[in-house]
C-alpha atoms as a PDB file:
ATOM      1  CA  UNK A   1     155.580 221.027 270.638  1.00  0.00           C
ATOM      2  CA  UNK A   2     153.959 224.299 271.723  1.00  0.00           C
ATOM      3  CA  UNK A   3     155.977 224.111 274.970  1.00  0.00           C
ATOM      4  CA  UNK A   4     159.169 224.260 272.908  1.00  0.00           C
ATOM      5  CA  UNK A   5     157.757 227.012 270.714  1.00  0.00           C
ATOM      6  CA  UNK A   6     156.750 229.486 273.429  1.00  0.00           C
ATOM      7  CA  UNK A   7     160.271 230.093 274.874  1.00  0.00           C
ATOM      8  CA  UNK A   8     161.644 230.742 271.391  1.00  0.00           C
ATOM      9  CA  UNK A   9     158.839 233.167 270.599  1.00  0.00           C
ATOM     10  CA  UNK A  10     159.443 234.967 273.903  1.00  0.00           C
ATOM     11  CA  UNK A  11     163.102 235.333 272.920  1.00  0.00           C
ATOM     12  CA  UNK A  12     161.993 236.876 269.634  1.00  0.00           C
ATOM     13  CA  UNK A  13     159.628 239.233 271.479  1.00  0.00           C
ATOM     14  CA  UNK A  14     162.516 240.499 273.594  1.00  0.00           C
ATOM     15  CA  UNK A  15     164.574 241.071 270.419  1.00  0.00           C
ATOM     16  CA  UNK A  16     161.660 243.040 268.954  1.00  0.00           C
ATOM     17  CA  UNK A  17     161.404 245.181 272.118  1.00  0.00           C
ATOM     18  CA  UNK A  18     165.137 245.889 271.959  1.00  0.00           C
ATOM     19  CA  UNK A  19     164.710 247.204 268.408  1.00  0.00           C
ATOM     20  CA  UNK A  20     161.691 249.240 269.526  1.00  0.00           C
ATOM     21  CA  UNK A  21     163.621 250.785 272.424  1.00  0.00           C
ATOM     22  CA  UNK A  22     166.653 251.579 270.265  1.00  0.00           C
ATOM     23  CA  UNK A  23     164.456 253.410 267.779  1.00  0.00           C
ATOM     24  CA  UNK A  24     162.578 255.320 270.474  1.00  0.00           C
ATOM     25  CA  UNK A  25     165.771 256.604 272.094  1.00  0.00           C
ATOM     26  CA  UNK A  26     167.252 257.458 268.702  1.00  0.00           C
ATOM     27  CA  UNK A  27     170.079 254.907 268.846  1.00  0.00           C
ATOM     28  CA  UNK A  28     169.200 253.598 265.379  1.00  0.00           C
ATOM     29  CA  UNK A  29     167.833 255.431 262.353  1.00  0.00           C
ATOM     30  CA  UNK A  30     165.324 254.170 259.790  1.00  0.00           C
ATOM     31  CA  UNK A  31     167.915 253.943 257.007  1.00  0.00           C
ATOM     32  CA  UNK A  32     170.125 251.827 259.268  1.00  0.00           C
ATOM     33  CA  UNK A  33     167.274 249.383 259.855  1.00  0.00           C
ATOM     34  CA  UNK A  34     166.918 249.030 256.088  1.00  0.00           C
ATOM     35  CA  UNK A  35     170.554 247.966 255.970  1.00  0.00           C
ATOM     36  CA  UNK A  36     169.860 245.303 258.602  1.00  0.00           C
ATOM     37  CA  UNK A  37     166.882 244.137 256.561  1.00  0.00           C
ATOM     38  CA  UNK A  38     169.070 243.766 253.465  1.00  0.00           C
ATOM     39  CA  UNK A  39     171.646 241.749 255.427  1.00  0.00           C
ATOM     40  CA  UNK A  40     168.861 239.431 256.519  1.00  0.00           C
ATOM     41  CA  UNK A  41     167.464 239.084 252.990  1.00  0.00           C
ATOM     42  CA  UNK A  42     170.736 238.755 251.074  1.00  0.00           C
ATOM     43  CA  UNK A  43     172.955 236.980 253.611  1.00  0.00           C
ATOM     44  CA  UNK A  44     171.279 235.392 256.639  1.00  0.00           C
ATOM     45  CA  UNK A  45     168.340 233.623 254.966  1.00  0.00           C
ATOM     46  CA  UNK A  46     170.367 232.346 251.949  1.00  0.00           C
ATOM     47  CA  UNK A  47     172.988 230.994 254.384  1.00  0.00           C
ATOM     48  CA  UNK A  48     170.228 229.206 256.310  1.00  0.00           C
ATOM     49  CA  UNK A  49     168.961 227.667 253.064  1.00  0.00           C
ATOM     50  CA  UNK A  50     172.448 226.457 252.122  1.00  0.00           C
ATOM     51  CA  UNK A  51     172.979 224.900 255.539  1.00  0.00           C
ATOM     52  CA  UNK A  52     169.527 223.301 255.475  1.00  0.00           C
ATOM     53  CA  UNK A  53     170.526 221.185 252.476  1.00  0.00           C
ATOM     54  CA  UNK A  54     173.902 220.155 253.881  1.00  0.00           C
ATOM     55  CA  UNK A  55     172.674 216.674 254.725  1.00  0.00           C
ATOM     56  CA  UNK A  56     173.004 213.178 253.319  1.00  0.00           C
ATOM     57  CA  UNK A  57     171.053 212.202 250.214  1.00  0.00           C
ATOM     58  CA  UNK A  58     168.490 209.446 250.798  1.00  0.00           C
ATOM     59  CA  UNK A  59     165.364 208.171 248.961  1.00  0.00           C
ATOM     60  CA  UNK A  60     163.183 208.976 252.004  1.00  0.00           C
ATOM     61  CA  UNK A  61     164.405 212.568 252.076  1.00  0.00           C
ATOM     62  CA  UNK A  62     163.804 212.962 248.329  1.00  0.00           C
ATOM     63  CA  UNK A  63     160.276 211.577 248.695  1.00  0.00           C
ATOM     64  CA  UNK A  64     159.505 213.953 251.581  1.00  0.00           C
ATOM     65  CA  UNK A  65     160.945 216.904 249.632  1.00  0.00           C
ATOM     66  CA  UNK A  66     158.793 216.135 246.587  1.00  0.00           C
ATOM     67  CA  UNK A  67     155.686 215.817 248.740  1.00  0.00           C
ATOM     68  CA  UNK A  68     156.516 219.047 250.557  1.00  0.00           C
ATOM     69  CA  UNK A  69     156.991 220.784 247.206  1.00  0.00           C
ATOM     70  CA  UNK A  70     153.523 219.605 246.102  1.00  0.00           C
ATOM     71  CA  UNK A  71     151.905 220.595 249.421  1.00  0.00           C
ATOM     72  CA  UNK A  72     153.480 224.076 249.334  1.00  0.00           C
ATOM     73  CA  UNK A  73     152.172 224.682 245.808  1.00  0.00           C
ATOM     74  CA  UNK A  74     148.746 223.472 246.941  1.00  0.00           C
ATOM     75  CA  UNK A  75     148.833 225.886 249.893  1.00  0.00           C
ATOM     76  CA  UNK A  76     149.625 228.841 247.652  1.00  0.00           C
ATOM     77  CA  UNK A  77     146.906 227.894 245.163  1.00  0.00           C
ATOM     78  CA  UNK A  78     144.384 227.680 248.024  1.00  0.00           C
ATOM     79  CA  UNK A  79     145.497 231.036 249.440  1.00  0.00           C
ATOM     80  CA  UNK A  80     145.242 232.622 245.990  1.00  0.00           C
ATOM     81  CA  UNK A  81     141.746 231.176 245.519  1.00  0.00           C
ATOM     82  CA  UNK A  82     140.603 232.469 248.902  1.00  0.00           C
ATOM     83  CA  UNK A  83     142.046 235.891 248.134  1.00  0.00           C
ATOM     84  CA  UNK A  84     139.987 236.105 244.915  1.00  0.00           C
ATOM     85  CA  UNK A  85     136.802 235.512 246.911  1.00  0.00           C
ATOM     86  CA  UNK A  86     137.865 237.948 249.625  1.00  0.00           C
ATOM     87  CA  UNK A  87     138.665 240.610 247.038  1.00  0.00           C
ATOM     88  CA  UNK A  88     135.075 240.496 245.791  1.00  0.00           C
ATOM     89  CA  UNK A  89     133.435 240.374 249.220  1.00  0.00           C
ATOM     90  CA  UNK A  90     135.744 242.651 251.182  1.00  0.00           C
ATOM     91  CA  UNK A  91     137.170 244.789 248.338  1.00  0.00           C
ATOM     92  CA  UNK A  92     140.771 244.130 249.347  1.00  0.00           C
ATOM     93  CA  UNK A  93     143.463 246.221 247.688  1.00  0.00           C
ATOM     94  CA  UNK A  94     146.419 244.486 245.964  1.00  0.00           C
ATOM     95  CA  UNK A  95     148.622 245.170 249.003  1.00  0.00           C
ATOM     96  CA  UNK A  96     146.017 243.736 251.378  1.00  0.00           C
ATOM     97  CA  UNK A  97     145.595 240.632 249.219  1.00  0.00           C
ATOM     98  CA  UNK A  98     149.340 239.976 249.156  1.00  0.00           C
ATOM     99  CA  UNK A  99     149.490 240.528 252.915  1.00  0.00           C
ATOM    100  CA  UNK A 100     146.909 237.781 253.349  1.00  0.00           C
ATOM    101  CA  UNK A 101     148.331 235.348 250.771  1.00  0.00           C
ATOM    102  CA  UNK A 102     152.051 235.362 251.530  1.00  0.00           C
ATOM    103  CA  UNK A 103     153.333 234.469 255.035  1.00  0.00           C
ATOM    104  CA  UNK A 104     156.759 235.182 256.476  1.00  0.00           C
ATOM    105  CA  UNK A 105     158.202 231.716 255.870  1.00  0.00           C
ATOM    106  CA  UNK A 106     161.877 232.672 256.120  1.00  0.00           C
ATOM    107  CA  UNK A 107     162.834 235.116 258.858  1.00  0.00           C
ATOM    108  CA  UNK A 108     160.472 233.635 261.425  1.00  0.00           C
ATOM    109  CA  UNK A 109     160.018 230.006 260.442  1.00  0.00           C
ATOM    110  CA  UNK A 110     163.643 228.859 260.230  1.00  0.00           C
ATOM    111  CA  UNK A 111     164.503 229.677 263.884  1.00  0.00           C
ATOM    112  CA  UNK A 112     161.144 228.296 265.051  1.00  0.00           C
ATOM    113  CA  UNK A 113     161.643 225.052 263.133  1.00  0.00           C
ATOM    114  CA  UNK A 114     165.141 224.683 264.555  1.00  0.00           C
ATOM    115  CA  UNK A 115     163.779 225.169 268.072  1.00  0.00           C
ATOM    116  CA  UNK A 116     160.808 222.810 267.736  1.00  0.00           C
ATOM    117  CA  UNK A 117     161.914 220.101 265.285  1.00  0.00           C
ATOM    118  CA  UNK A 118     165.679 220.483 264.950  1.00  0.00           C
ATOM    119  CA  UNK A 119     168.022 221.408 262.105  1.00  0.00           C
ATOM    120  CA  UNK A 120     167.081 218.346 260.009  1.00  0.00           C
ATOM    121  CA  UNK A 121     163.687 219.913 259.225  1.00  0.00           C
ATOM    122  CA  UNK A 122     164.992 223.304 258.069  1.00  0.00           C
ATOM    123  CA  UNK A 123     165.268 221.783 254.588  1.00  0.00           C
ATOM    124  CA  UNK A 124     161.459 221.679 254.311  1.00  0.00           C
ATOM    125  CA  UNK A 125     161.079 225.351 255.228  1.00  0.00           C
ATOM    126  CA  UNK A 126     163.601 226.078 252.451  1.00  0.00           C
ATOM    127  CA  UNK A 127     161.195 224.472 249.956  1.00  0.00           C
ATOM    128  CA  UNK A 128     158.441 226.832 251.146  1.00  0.00           C
ATOM    129  CA  UNK A 129     160.775 229.839 250.817  1.00  0.00           C
ATOM    130  CA  UNK A 130     161.798 228.924 247.251  1.00  0.00           C
ATOM    131  CA  UNK A 131     158.263 228.242 246.002  1.00  0.00           C
ATOM    132  CA  UNK A 132     156.964 231.421 247.614  1.00  0.00           C
ATOM    133  CA  UNK A 133     159.792 233.423 246.035  1.00  0.00           C
ATOM    134  CA  UNK A 134     158.620 232.364 242.582  1.00  0.00           C
ATOM    135  CA  UNK A 135     154.981 233.225 243.386  1.00  0.00           C
ATOM    136  CA  UNK A 136     155.917 236.572 244.949  1.00  0.00           C
ATOM    137  CA  UNK A 137     158.079 237.828 242.084  1.00  0.00           C
ATOM    138  CA  UNK A 138     155.570 236.682 239.475  1.00  0.00           C
ATOM    139  CA  UNK A 139     152.023 237.009 240.827  1.00  0.00           C
ATOM    140  CA  UNK A 140     152.908 239.436 243.633  1.00  0.00           C
ATOM    141  CA  UNK A 141     154.941 241.787 241.471  1.00  0.00           C
ATOM    142  CA  UNK A 142     152.247 241.857 238.773  1.00  0.00           C
ATOM    143  CA  UNK A 143     149.552 242.688 241.347  1.00  0.00           C
ATOM    144  CA  UNK A 144     151.451 245.610 242.840  1.00  0.00           C
ATOM    145  CA  UNK A 145     152.886 246.990 239.597  1.00  0.00           C
ATOM    146  CA  UNK A 146     149.721 246.498 237.542  1.00  0.00           C
ATOM    147  CA  UNK A 147     151.770 244.844 234.804  1.00  0.00           C
ATOM    148  CA  UNK A 148     150.572 241.470 233.549  1.00  0.00           C
ATOM    149  CA  UNK A 149     153.887 240.159 232.235  1.00  0.00           C
ATOM    150  CA  UNK A 150     156.202 238.180 234.499  1.00  0.00           C
ATOM    151  CA  UNK A 151     159.732 239.473 234.988  1.00  0.00           C
ATOM    152  CA  UNK A 152     161.674 236.199 234.898  1.00  0.00           C
ATOM    153  CA  UNK A 153     164.900 237.947 235.858  1.00  0.00           C
ATOM    154  CA  UNK A 154     163.348 239.080 239.134  1.00  0.00           C
ATOM    155  CA  UNK A 155     162.318 235.483 239.842  1.00  0.00           C
ATOM    156  CA  UNK A 156     165.667 233.968 238.871  1.00  0.00           C
ATOM    157  CA  UNK A 157     167.804 236.583 240.632  1.00  0.00           C
ATOM    158  CA  UNK A 158     165.885 236.406 243.906  1.00  0.00           C
ATOM    159  CA  UNK A 159     168.587 235.606 246.502  1.00  0.00           C
ATOM    160  CA  UNK A 160     166.495 232.923 248.170  1.00  0.00           C
ATOM    161  CA  UNK A 161     165.771 231.188 244.858  1.00  0.00           C
ATOM    162  CA  UNK A 162     169.459 231.317 243.915  1.00  0.00           C
ATOM    163  CA  UNK A 163     170.451 229.880 247.296  1.00  0.00           C
ATOM    164  CA  UNK A 164     167.811 227.157 246.928  1.00  0.00           C
ATOM    165  CA  UNK A 165     169.052 226.124 243.463  1.00  0.00           C
ATOM    166  CA  UNK A 166     172.692 226.070 244.593  1.00  0.00           C
ATOM    167  CA  UNK A 167     171.740 224.114 247.706  1.00  0.00           C
ATOM    168  CA  UNK A 168     169.843 221.585 245.569  1.00  0.00           C
ATOM    169  CA  UNK A 169     172.893 221.039 243.368  1.00  0.00           C
ATOM    170  CA  UNK A 170     175.073 220.520 246.446  1.00  0.00           C
ATOM    171  CA  UNK A 171     172.495 218.134 247.921  1.00  0.00           C
ATOM    172  CA  UNK A 172     172.167 215.907 244.856  1.00  0.00           C
ATOM    173  CA  UNK A 173     175.897 215.888 244.085  1.00  0.00           C
ATOM    174  CA  UNK A 174     176.936 215.321 247.685  1.00  0.00           C
ATOM    175  CA  UNK A 175     179.053 218.483 247.783  1.00  0.00           C
ATOM    176  CA  UNK A 176     179.824 219.676 251.290  1.00  0.00           C
ATOM    177  CA  UNK A 177     180.924 223.179 252.139  1.00  0.00           C
ATOM    178  CA  UNK A 178     184.480 223.473 253.509  1.00  0.00           C
ATOM    179  CA  UNK A 179     184.483 223.572 257.300  1.00  0.00           C
ATOM    180  CA  UNK A 180     185.399 227.259 257.486  1.00  0.00           C
ATOM    181  CA  UNK A 181     182.729 228.302 254.959  1.00  0.00           C
ATOM    182  CA  UNK A 182     180.185 226.024 256.622  1.00  0.00           C
ATOM    183  CA  UNK A 183     180.992 227.694 259.945  1.00  0.00           C
ATOM    184  CA  UNK A 184     180.452 231.140 258.433  1.00  0.00           C
ATOM    185  CA  UNK A 185     177.127 230.111 256.862  1.00  0.00           C
ATOM    186  CA  UNK A 186     175.977 228.473 260.087  1.00  0.00           C
ATOM    187  CA  UNK A 187     176.822 231.566 262.122  1.00  0.00           C
ATOM    188  CA  UNK A 188     175.204 233.951 259.636  1.00  0.00           C
ATOM    189  CA  UNK A 189     172.052 231.829 259.482  1.00  0.00           C
ATOM    190  CA  UNK A 190     171.689 232.279 263.234  1.00  0.00           C
ATOM    191  CA  UNK A 191     171.283 236.022 262.633  1.00  0.00           C
ATOM    192  CA  UNK A 192     167.981 235.473 260.787  1.00  0.00           C
ATOM    193  CA  UNK A 193     165.707 235.865 263.814  1.00  0.00           C
ATOM    194  CA  UNK A 194     167.653 238.642 265.620  1.00  0.00           C
ATOM    195  CA  UNK A 195     167.934 240.800 262.512  1.00  0.00           C
ATOM    196  CA  UNK A 196     164.294 240.395 261.464  1.00  0.00           C
ATOM    197  CA  UNK A 197     162.955 241.088 264.958  1.00  0.00           C
ATOM    198  CA  UNK A 198     165.239 244.097 265.477  1.00  0.00           C
ATOM    199  CA  UNK A 199     164.002 245.554 262.183  1.00  0.00           C
ATOM    200  CA  UNK A 200     160.402 244.859 263.201  1.00  0.00           C
ATOM    201  CA  UNK A 201     161.026 246.638 266.506  1.00  0.00           C
ATOM    202  CA  UNK A 202     162.456 249.657 264.691  1.00  0.00           C
ATOM    203  CA  UNK A 203     159.375 249.741 262.440  1.00  0.00           C
ATOM    204  CA  UNK A 204     157.144 249.642 265.514  1.00  0.00           C
ATOM    205  CA  UNK A 205     159.159 252.465 267.042  1.00  0.00           C
ATOM    206  CA  UNK A 206     158.302 254.641 264.040  1.00  0.00           C
ATOM    207  CA  UNK A 207     154.571 253.970 264.277  1.00  0.00           C
ATOM    208  CA  UNK A 208     152.350 256.442 266.098  1.00  0.00           C
ATOM    209  CA  UNK A 209     148.937 255.460 267.474  1.00  0.00           C
ATOM    210  CA  UNK A 210     147.265 258.122 265.353  1.00  0.00           C
ATOM    211  CA  UNK A 211     148.788 256.573 262.236  1.00  0.00           C
ATOM    212  CA  UNK A 212     147.461 253.138 263.149  1.00  0.00           C
ATOM    213  CA  UNK A 213     143.950 254.500 263.621  1.00  0.00           C
ATOM    214  CA  UNK A 214     143.824 255.868 260.098  1.00  0.00           C
ATOM    215  CA  UNK A 215     144.163 252.343 258.690  1.00  0.00           C
ATOM    216  CA  UNK A 216     140.648 251.172 259.503  1.00  0.00           C
ATOM    217  CA  UNK A 217     141.063 247.890 257.634  1.00  0.00           C
ATOM    218  CA  UNK A 218     144.202 246.904 259.537  1.00  0.00           C
ATOM    219  CA  UNK A 219     142.405 244.566 262.023  1.00  0.00           C
ATOM    220  CA  UNK A 220     140.666 242.856 259.091  1.00  0.00           C
ATOM    221  CA  UNK A 221     143.923 242.211 257.208  1.00  0.00           C
ATOM    222  CA  UNK A 222     145.720 240.967 260.332  1.00  0.00           C
ATOM    223  CA  UNK A 223     142.792 238.729 261.255  1.00  0.00           C
ATOM    224  CA  UNK A 224     142.683 237.176 257.804  1.00  0.00           C
ATOM    225  CA  UNK A 225     146.441 236.532 257.768  1.00  0.00           C
ATOM    226  CA  UNK A 226     146.956 235.347 261.359  1.00  0.00           C
ATOM    227  CA  UNK A 227     143.659 233.572 262.056  1.00  0.00           C
ATOM    228  CA  UNK A 228     141.613 232.709 258.957  1.00  0.00           C
ATOM    229  CA  UNK A 229     144.382 231.312 256.744  1.00  0.00           C
ATOM    230  CA  UNK A 230     145.895 229.047 259.438  1.00  0.00           C
ATOM    231  CA  UNK A 231     142.444 227.783 260.447  1.00  0.00           C
ATOM    232  CA  UNK A 232     141.597 226.978 256.819  1.00  0.00           C
ATOM    233  CA  UNK A 233     144.821 224.987 256.411  1.00  0.00           C
ATOM    234  CA  UNK A 234     144.346 223.285 259.781  1.00  0.00           C
ATOM    235  CA  UNK A 235     140.872 222.161 258.706  1.00  0.00           C
ATOM    236  CA  UNK A 236     142.204 220.934 255.373  1.00  0.00           C
ATOM    237  CA  UNK A 237     145.112 219.019 256.907  1.00  0.00           C
ATOM    238  CA  UNK A 238     142.773 217.376 259.410  1.00  0.00           C
ATOM    239  CA  UNK A 239     140.077 216.627 256.831  1.00  0.00           C
ATOM    240  CA  UNK A 240     142.410 215.107 254.250  1.00  0.00           C
ATOM    241  CA  UNK A 241     145.003 213.653 256.610  1.00  0.00           C
ATOM    242  CA  UNK A 242     147.871 214.411 254.258  1.00  0.00           C
ATOM    243  CA  UNK A 243     150.611 212.803 256.328  1.00  0.00           C
ATOM    244  CA  UNK A 244     148.696 209.490 256.465  1.00  0.00           C
ATOM    245  CA  UNK A 245     147.285 209.698 252.930  1.00  0.00           C
ATOM    246  CA  UNK A 246     150.643 210.446 251.301  1.00  0.00           C
ATOM    247  CA  UNK A 247     152.913 208.742 253.785  1.00  0.00           C
ATOM    248  CA  UNK A 248     154.467 212.136 254.423  1.00  0.00           C
ATOM    249  CA  UNK A 249     156.859 212.874 257.257  1.00  0.00           C
ATOM    250  CA  UNK A 250     154.608 214.467 259.945  1.00  0.00           C
ATOM    251  CA  UNK A 251     157.402 216.914 260.797  1.00  0.00           C
ATOM    252  CA  UNK A 252     157.480 218.210 257.222  1.00  0.00           C
ATOM    253  CA  UNK A 253     153.753 218.899 257.416  1.00  0.00           C
ATOM    254  CA  UNK A 254     154.230 220.712 260.733  1.00  0.00           C
ATOM    255  CA  UNK A 255     156.798 222.958 259.015  1.00  0.00           C
ATOM    256  CA  UNK A 256     154.260 223.787 256.278  1.00  0.00           C
ATOM    257  CA  UNK A 257     151.628 224.591 258.891  1.00  0.00           C
ATOM    258  CA  UNK A 258     153.939 226.850 260.915  1.00  0.00           C
ATOM    259  CA  UNK A 259     154.682 228.721 257.686  1.00  0.00           C
ATOM    260  CA  UNK A 260     150.938 229.270 257.189  1.00  0.00           C
ATOM    261  CA  UNK A 261     150.616 230.780 260.688  1.00  0.00           C
ATOM    262  CA  UNK A 262     153.157 233.564 260.296  1.00  0.00           C
ATOM    263  CA  UNK A 263     152.395 237.221 259.488  1.00  0.00           C
ATOM    264  CA  UNK A 264     152.904 238.940 256.145  1.00  0.00           C
ATOM    265  CA  UNK A 265     156.139 238.220 254.274  1.00  0.00           C
ATOM    266  CA  UNK A 266     158.717 240.978 254.713  1.00  0.00           C
ATOM    267  CA  UNK A 267     159.332 240.797 250.959  1.00  0.00           C
ATOM    268  CA  UNK A 268     155.870 242.295 250.426  1.00  0.00           C
ATOM    269  CA  UNK A 269     157.029 245.437 252.243  1.00  0.00           C
ATOM    270  CA  UNK A 270     160.104 245.680 250.018  1.00  0.00           C
ATOM    271  CA  UNK A 271     158.020 245.130 246.889  1.00  0.00           C
ATOM    272  CA  UNK A 272     155.564 247.819 247.995  1.00  0.00           C
ATOM    273  CA  UNK A 273     158.450 250.269 248.396  1.00  0.00           C
ATOM    274  CA  UNK A 274     159.466 249.374 244.846  1.00  0.00           C
ATOM    275  CA  UNK A 275     156.076 249.407 243.073  1.00  0.00           C
ATOM    276  CA  UNK A 276     153.649 251.369 245.315  1.00  0.00           C
ATOM    277  CA  UNK A 277     155.692 253.764 247.403  1.00  0.00           C
ATOM    278  CA  UNK A 278     152.591 255.638 248.560  1.00  0.00           C
ATOM    279  CA  UNK A 279     151.414 252.473 250.397  1.00  0.00           C
ATOM    280  CA  UNK A 280     154.816 251.557 251.843  1.00  0.00           C
ATOM    281  CA  UNK A 281     153.967 252.900 255.295  1.00  0.00           C
ATOM    282  CA  UNK A 282     150.734 250.876 255.404  1.00  0.00           C
ATOM    283  CA  UNK A 283     152.732 247.767 254.440  1.00  0.00           C
ATOM    284  CA  UNK A 284     155.251 248.457 257.215  1.00  0.00           C
ATOM    285  CA  UNK A 285     152.448 248.816 259.777  1.00  0.00           C
ATOM    286  CA  UNK A 286     150.856 245.516 258.700  1.00  0.00           C
ATOM    287  CA  UNK A 287     154.250 243.807 258.894  1.00  0.00           C
ATOM    288  CA  UNK A 288     155.312 245.207 262.266  1.00  0.00           C
ATOM    289  CA  UNK A 289     151.991 244.687 264.063  1.00  0.00           C
ATOM    290  CA  UNK A 290     151.678 241.222 262.506  1.00  0.00           C
ATOM    291  CA  UNK A 291     155.066 240.257 263.943  1.00  0.00           C
ATOM    292  CA  UNK A 292     153.953 241.524 267.335  1.00  0.00           C
ATOM    293  CA  UNK A 293     150.588 239.718 267.319  1.00  0.00           C
ATOM    294  CA  UNK A 294     151.951 236.430 265.968  1.00  0.00           C
ATOM    295  CA  UNK A 295     153.695 235.969 269.306  1.00  0.00           C
ATOM    296  CA  UNK A 296     150.199 235.104 270.565  1.00  0.00           C
ATOM    297  CA  UNK A 297     148.614 233.532 267.491  1.00  0.00           C
ATOM    298  CA  UNK A 298     151.351 231.078 266.450  1.00  0.00           C
ATOM    299  CA  UNK A 299     151.380 229.167 269.782  1.00  0.00           C
ATOM    300  CA  UNK A 300     147.567 229.174 269.690  1.00  0.00           C
ATOM    301  CA  UNK A 301     147.455 227.664 266.204  1.00  0.00           C
ATOM    302  CA  UNK A 302     150.153 225.091 266.964  1.00  0.00           C
ATOM    303  CA  UNK A 303     148.241 224.071 270.101  1.00  0.00           C
ATOM    304  CA  UNK A 304     145.096 223.569 267.992  1.00  0.00           C
ATOM    305  CA  UNK A 305     147.159 221.541 265.509  1.00  0.00           C
ATOM    306  CA  UNK A 306     148.279 219.220 268.313  1.00  0.00           C
ATOM    307  CA  UNK A 307     144.740 218.518 269.598  1.00  0.00           C
END
């Protein structure tokens, strides 16, 4: 599996370097990269979710989806619990806690899953995206804003959640997108990785070494997100043997694990710009460097998973 993963990650690295070079030579401005990010968030990822559910209804698929739903909730509860302990021991800020808790399960995972497991398993990454969207716009938003009430409209109007709910309706009712619309959604979903990596490259192009040095806790946050959290979940999966215990599709569990190995969710950066603008640059640095380092850590973690 890692042999299939490495070429895809190398492709994504090249895309990131293209974005970096374009920013360095001034071919793309920061505000233009934000537009690309919005296209990814509001178009590419929702299209990927819709296409992920364009498959035949079967009892086995329903069972695997329900189990995946339960496992994803369990993963988030575990990450939240760990973050509470880390907050006390390491005095993590709200931004740092969210960076550790919430992985990038959309922009990165969908193309990786397609490369390693095939399009049939994208549906399970969509479950992770939808569940995380609810957690992010409830728990995440309250942590960054300091408000304790949950803005249900933010949760309900999240584009990924909307796409997930529509896709579920289509899945259970057997509705298939017209061929032309399906072709558009399929093509747009393929832009998920290029857009996200180009944006990450642009962010890296804006970062100066002196700026990185001022964030002394950056290695700690990246280490917790890219190394500690995946290792914890790897140990849990091995200890419990979820696929055997629950009769779960091993591929669905692999999707959940790949999600756990990714860097900070890009949505955290957008939420920081909304609620804590003074920490937005720090969030961008965590995101960009995490995307760069995960090119090494994801294959490492998947190799350990296969042992």
